[in-house]
């Protein structure tokens, strides 16, 4: 990747970040858009692979990741559930 593209992606990740109980969080829906996935079902596969990667390396998925489900509430920042 070019340095410019990396810098732009980094900025988008930083702008999408917010704090929840003093923990940095990102909306899965926001990340879907940032990473260029047009369909949720395709991005959900990426999330599942990431969860498997965490498990395979001994990292607790429930302690390190939060999925934001925008279908639950219109304000997705309040619709947080552990993976």
N, C-alpha and C. Protein backbone atom coordinates (compact mmCIF):
# COMPACT_ATOMS: atom_id res chain seq x y z
N UNK A 1 0.83 -1.19 0.00
CA UNK A 1 0.00 0.00 0.00
C UNK A 1 0.87 1.25 0.00
N UNK A 2 0.37 2.25 -0.59
CA UNK A 2 1.09 3.51 -0.59
C UNK A 2 0.94 4.19 0.78
N UNK A 3 1.93 4.98 1.11
CA UNK A 3 1.91 5.68 2.40
C UNK A 3 0.68 6.57 2.54
N UNK A 4 0.28 7.22 1.45
CA UNK A 4 -0.89 8.10 1.50
C UNK A 4 -2.16 7.31 1.84
N UNK A 5 -2.32 6.15 1.22
CA UNK A 5 -3.50 5.32 1.46
C UNK A 5 -3.54 4.84 2.91
N UNK A 6 -2.39 4.44 3.40
CA UNK A 6 -2.31 3.99 4.80
C UNK A 6 -2.67 5.14 5.74
N UNK A 7 -2.15 6.32 5.47
CA UNK A 7 -2.45 7.49 6.30
C UNK A 7 -3.94 7.81 6.28
N UNK A 8 -4.57 7.72 5.11
CA UNK A 8 -6.00 8.00 5.00
C UNK A 8 -6.82 6.96 5.76
N UNK A 9 -6.46 5.68 5.62
CA UNK A 9 -7.17 4.63 6.36
C UNK A 9 -7.01 4.82 7.86
N UNK A 10 -5.79 5.13 8.28
CA UNK A 10 -5.53 5.35 9.70
C UNK A 10 -6.41 6.49 10.22
N UNK A 11 -6.49 7.58 9.48
CA UNK A 11 -7.31 8.71 9.88
C UNK A 11 -8.78 8.31 9.98
N UNK A 12 -9.27 7.52 9.03
CA UNK A 12 -10.67 7.07 9.07
C UNK A 12 -10.92 6.19 10.30
N UNK A 13 -9.96 5.32 10.64
CA UNK A 13 -10.11 4.49 11.84
C UNK A 13 -10.14 5.36 13.09
N UNK A 14 -9.26 6.34 13.15
CA UNK A 14 -9.22 7.24 14.31
C UNK A 14 -10.52 8.03 14.45
N UNK A 15 -11.05 8.50 13.32
CA UNK A 15 -12.30 9.27 13.36
C UNK A 15 -13.50 8.41 13.75
N UNK A 16 -13.46 7.14 13.43
CA UNK A 16 -14.57 6.24 13.73
C UNK A 16 -14.54 5.74 15.18
N UNK A 17 -13.42 5.91 15.84
CA UNK A 17 -13.26 5.41 17.21
C UNK A 17 -14.04 6.28 18.20
N UNK A 18 -14.57 5.65 19.22
CA UNK A 18 -15.22 6.37 20.32
C UNK A 18 -14.98 5.58 21.60
N UNK A 19 -15.19 6.22 22.72
CA UNK A 19 -14.98 5.57 24.01
C UNK A 19 -16.29 5.05 24.58
N UNK A 20 -16.25 3.85 25.11
CA UNK A 20 -17.37 3.24 25.81
C UNK A 20 -16.79 2.62 27.07
N UNK A 21 -17.18 3.14 28.22
CA UNK A 21 -16.62 2.68 29.50
C UNK A 21 -15.09 2.72 29.49
N UNK A 22 -14.54 3.83 28.98
CA UNK A 22 -13.10 4.04 28.90
C UNK A 22 -12.38 3.02 28.02
N UNK A 23 -13.09 2.41 27.09
CA UNK A 23 -12.51 1.44 26.17
C UNK A 23 -12.74 1.93 24.74
N UNK A 24 -11.69 1.90 23.91
CA UNK A 24 -11.85 2.30 22.52
C UNK A 24 -12.71 1.28 21.79
N UNK A 25 -13.69 1.77 21.04
CA UNK A 25 -14.61 0.90 20.31
C UNK A 25 -14.80 1.44 18.90
N UNK A 26 -15.18 0.53 18.02
CA UNK A 26 -15.53 0.89 16.65
C UNK A 26 -16.81 0.16 16.29
N UNK A 27 -17.65 0.81 15.54
CA UNK A 27 -18.86 0.20 15.03
C UNK A 27 -18.47 -0.73 13.89
N UNK A 28 -18.96 -1.95 13.93
CA UNK A 28 -18.71 -2.88 12.84
C UNK A 28 -19.24 -2.31 11.53
N UNK A 29 -20.36 -1.62 11.60
CA UNK A 29 -20.93 -1.00 10.39
C UNK A 29 -20.01 0.08 9.85
N UNK A 30 -19.39 0.86 10.73
CA UNK A 30 -18.45 1.88 10.28
C UNK A 30 -17.21 1.23 9.66
N UNK A 31 -16.70 0.18 10.30
CA UNK A 31 -15.53 -0.51 9.77
C UNK A 31 -15.83 -1.15 8.43
N UNK A 32 -17.04 -1.67 8.29
CA UNK A 32 -17.45 -2.26 7.02
C UNK A 32 -17.26 -1.26 5.89
N UNK A 33 -17.72 -0.06 6.11
CA UNK A 33 -17.62 0.99 5.08
C UNK A 33 -16.17 1.41 4.85
N UNK A 34 -15.43 1.61 5.94
CA UNK A 34 -14.04 2.02 5.82
C UNK A 34 -13.22 1.01 5.02
N UNK A 35 -13.49 -0.27 5.24
CA UNK A 35 -12.73 -1.33 4.58
C UNK A 35 -13.27 -1.69 3.20
N UNK A 36 -14.35 -1.03 2.79
CA UNK A 36 -14.84 -1.19 1.43
C UNK A 36 -15.78 -2.35 1.19
N UNK A 37 -16.37 -2.89 2.24
CA UNK A 37 -17.35 -3.97 2.07
C UNK A 37 -18.72 -3.35 1.84
N UNK A 38 -19.37 -3.72 0.76
CA UNK A 38 -20.67 -3.14 0.43
C UNK A 38 -21.82 -3.91 1.05
N UNK A 39 -21.58 -5.17 1.40
CA UNK A 39 -22.65 -5.99 1.99
C UNK A 39 -22.25 -6.48 3.38
N UNK A 40 -23.18 -6.31 4.31
CA UNK A 40 -22.95 -6.73 5.69
C UNK A 40 -22.61 -8.21 5.78
N UNK A 41 -23.29 -9.04 5.02
CA UNK A 41 -23.08 -10.49 5.11
C UNK A 41 -21.63 -10.85 4.76
N UNK A 42 -21.02 -10.13 3.84
CA UNK A 42 -19.62 -10.39 3.50
C UNK A 42 -18.68 -9.93 4.61
N UNK A 43 -19.00 -8.80 5.22
CA UNK A 43 -18.17 -8.30 6.32
C UNK A 43 -18.32 -9.18 7.55
N UNK A 44 -19.49 -9.72 7.77
CA UNK A 44 -19.70 -10.62 8.90
C UNK A 44 -18.77 -11.82 8.83
N UNK A 45 -18.47 -12.28 7.62
CA UNK A 45 -17.52 -13.39 7.45
C UNK A 45 -16.13 -12.99 7.94
N UNK A 46 -15.76 -11.73 7.70
CA UNK A 46 -14.47 -11.22 8.16
C UNK A 46 -14.43 -11.18 9.68
N UNK A 47 -15.52 -10.75 10.29
CA UNK A 47 -15.61 -10.72 11.75
C UNK A 47 -15.45 -12.13 12.32
N UNK A 48 -16.12 -13.09 11.71
CA UNK A 48 -16.03 -14.48 12.18
C UNK A 48 -14.59 -14.99 12.07
N UNK A 49 -13.90 -14.67 10.98
CA UNK A 49 -12.50 -15.08 10.82
C UNK A 49 -11.62 -14.44 11.88
N UNK A 50 -11.88 -13.18 12.19
CA UNK A 50 -11.10 -12.48 13.22
C UNK A 50 -11.32 -13.13 14.59
N UNK A 51 -12.56 -13.53 14.87
CA UNK A 51 -12.83 -14.20 16.15
C UNK A 51 -12.08 -15.52 16.23
N UNK A 52 -12.04 -16.26 15.12
CA UNK A 52 -11.31 -17.53 15.09
C UNK A 52 -9.82 -17.30 15.28
N UNK A 53 -9.29 -16.25 14.63
CA UNK A 53 -7.88 -15.92 14.78
C UNK A 53 -7.55 -15.59 16.24
N UNK A 54 -8.44 -14.86 16.91
CA UNK A 54 -8.23 -14.56 18.34
C UNK A 54 -8.19 -15.85 19.15
N UNK A 55 -9.16 -16.71 18.92
CA UNK A 55 -9.22 -17.97 19.66
C UNK A 55 -7.97 -18.82 19.41
N UNK A 56 -7.49 -18.86 18.16
CA UNK A 56 -6.32 -19.66 17.81
C UNK A 56 -5.04 -19.15 18.43
N UNK A 57 -5.01 -17.89 18.79
CA UNK A 57 -3.81 -17.31 19.41
C UNK A 57 -3.95 -17.17 20.92
N UNK A 58 -5.05 -17.68 21.46
CA UNK A 58 -5.24 -17.63 22.90
C UNK A 58 -5.77 -16.31 23.43
N UNK A 59 -6.24 -15.45 22.55
CA UNK A 59 -6.79 -14.16 22.97
C UNK A 59 -8.29 -14.33 23.21
N UNK A 60 -8.76 -13.86 24.34
CA UNK A 60 -10.16 -13.98 24.68
C UNK A 60 -11.00 -13.03 23.82
N UNK A 61 -11.85 -13.59 23.00
CA UNK A 61 -12.68 -12.77 22.12
C UNK A 61 -13.61 -11.90 22.93
N UNK A 62 -14.21 -12.43 23.96
CA UNK A 62 -15.17 -11.65 24.75
C UNK A 62 -14.51 -10.50 25.50
N UNK A 63 -13.23 -10.59 25.75
CA UNK A 63 -12.54 -9.53 26.48
C UNK A 63 -11.95 -8.46 25.56
N UNK A 64 -11.82 -8.76 24.27
CA UNK A 64 -11.10 -7.83 23.39
C UNK A 64 -11.96 -7.24 22.28
N UNK A 65 -13.16 -7.75 22.07
CA UNK A 65 -13.93 -7.28 20.93
C UNK A 65 -15.38 -7.02 21.31
N UNK A 66 -15.95 -6.02 20.65
CA UNK A 66 -17.37 -5.69 20.81
C UNK A 66 -17.95 -5.51 19.42
N UNK A 67 -19.12 -6.10 19.20
CA UNK A 67 -19.83 -5.88 17.94
C UNK A 67 -20.90 -4.86 18.18
N UNK A 68 -21.01 -3.91 17.27
CA UNK A 68 -22.06 -2.92 17.32
C UNK A 68 -23.15 -3.38 16.37
N UNK A 69 -24.32 -3.64 16.88
CA UNK A 69 -25.42 -4.11 16.05
C UNK A 69 -26.40 -2.97 15.83
N UNK A 70 -26.31 -2.34 14.68
CA UNK A 70 -27.14 -1.18 14.41
C UNK A 70 -28.60 -1.54 14.18
N UNK A 71 -28.89 -2.82 14.07
CA UNK A 71 -30.29 -3.21 13.89
C UNK A 71 -31.07 -3.10 15.20
N UNK A 72 -30.37 -3.14 16.32
CA UNK A 72 -31.07 -3.13 17.60
C UNK A 72 -31.67 -1.76 17.94
N UNK A 73 -30.90 -0.70 17.69
CA UNK A 73 -31.34 0.65 18.01
C UNK A 73 -30.88 1.60 16.92
N UNK A 74 -31.56 2.68 16.76
CA UNK A 74 -31.14 3.64 15.73
C UNK A 74 -29.82 4.30 16.11
N UNK A 75 -29.55 4.50 17.38
CA UNK A 75 -28.28 5.05 17.83
C UNK A 75 -27.34 3.89 18.12
N UNK A 76 -26.53 3.51 17.12
CA UNK A 76 -25.69 2.32 17.26
C UNK A 76 -24.67 2.43 18.39
N UNK A 77 -24.37 3.59 18.85
CA UNK A 77 -23.39 3.72 19.95
C UNK A 77 -23.99 3.17 21.25
N UNK A 78 -25.30 3.00 21.31
CA UNK A 78 -25.94 2.45 22.50
C UNK A 78 -26.33 0.99 22.34
N UNK A 79 -26.01 0.40 21.20
CA UNK A 79 -26.44 -0.98 20.91
C UNK A 79 -25.23 -1.90 20.93
N UNK A 80 -24.58 -2.00 22.07
CA UNK A 80 -23.33 -2.75 22.18
C UNK A 80 -23.59 -4.09 22.86
N UNK A 81 -23.03 -5.14 22.25
CA UNK A 81 -23.15 -6.45 22.87
C UNK A 81 -21.83 -7.19 22.70
N UNK A 82 -21.38 -7.94 23.69
CA UNK A 82 -20.12 -8.68 23.56
C UNK A 82 -20.25 -9.76 22.50
N UNK A 83 -19.12 -10.06 21.90
CA UNK A 83 -19.08 -11.15 20.90
C UNK A 83 -19.20 -12.46 21.63
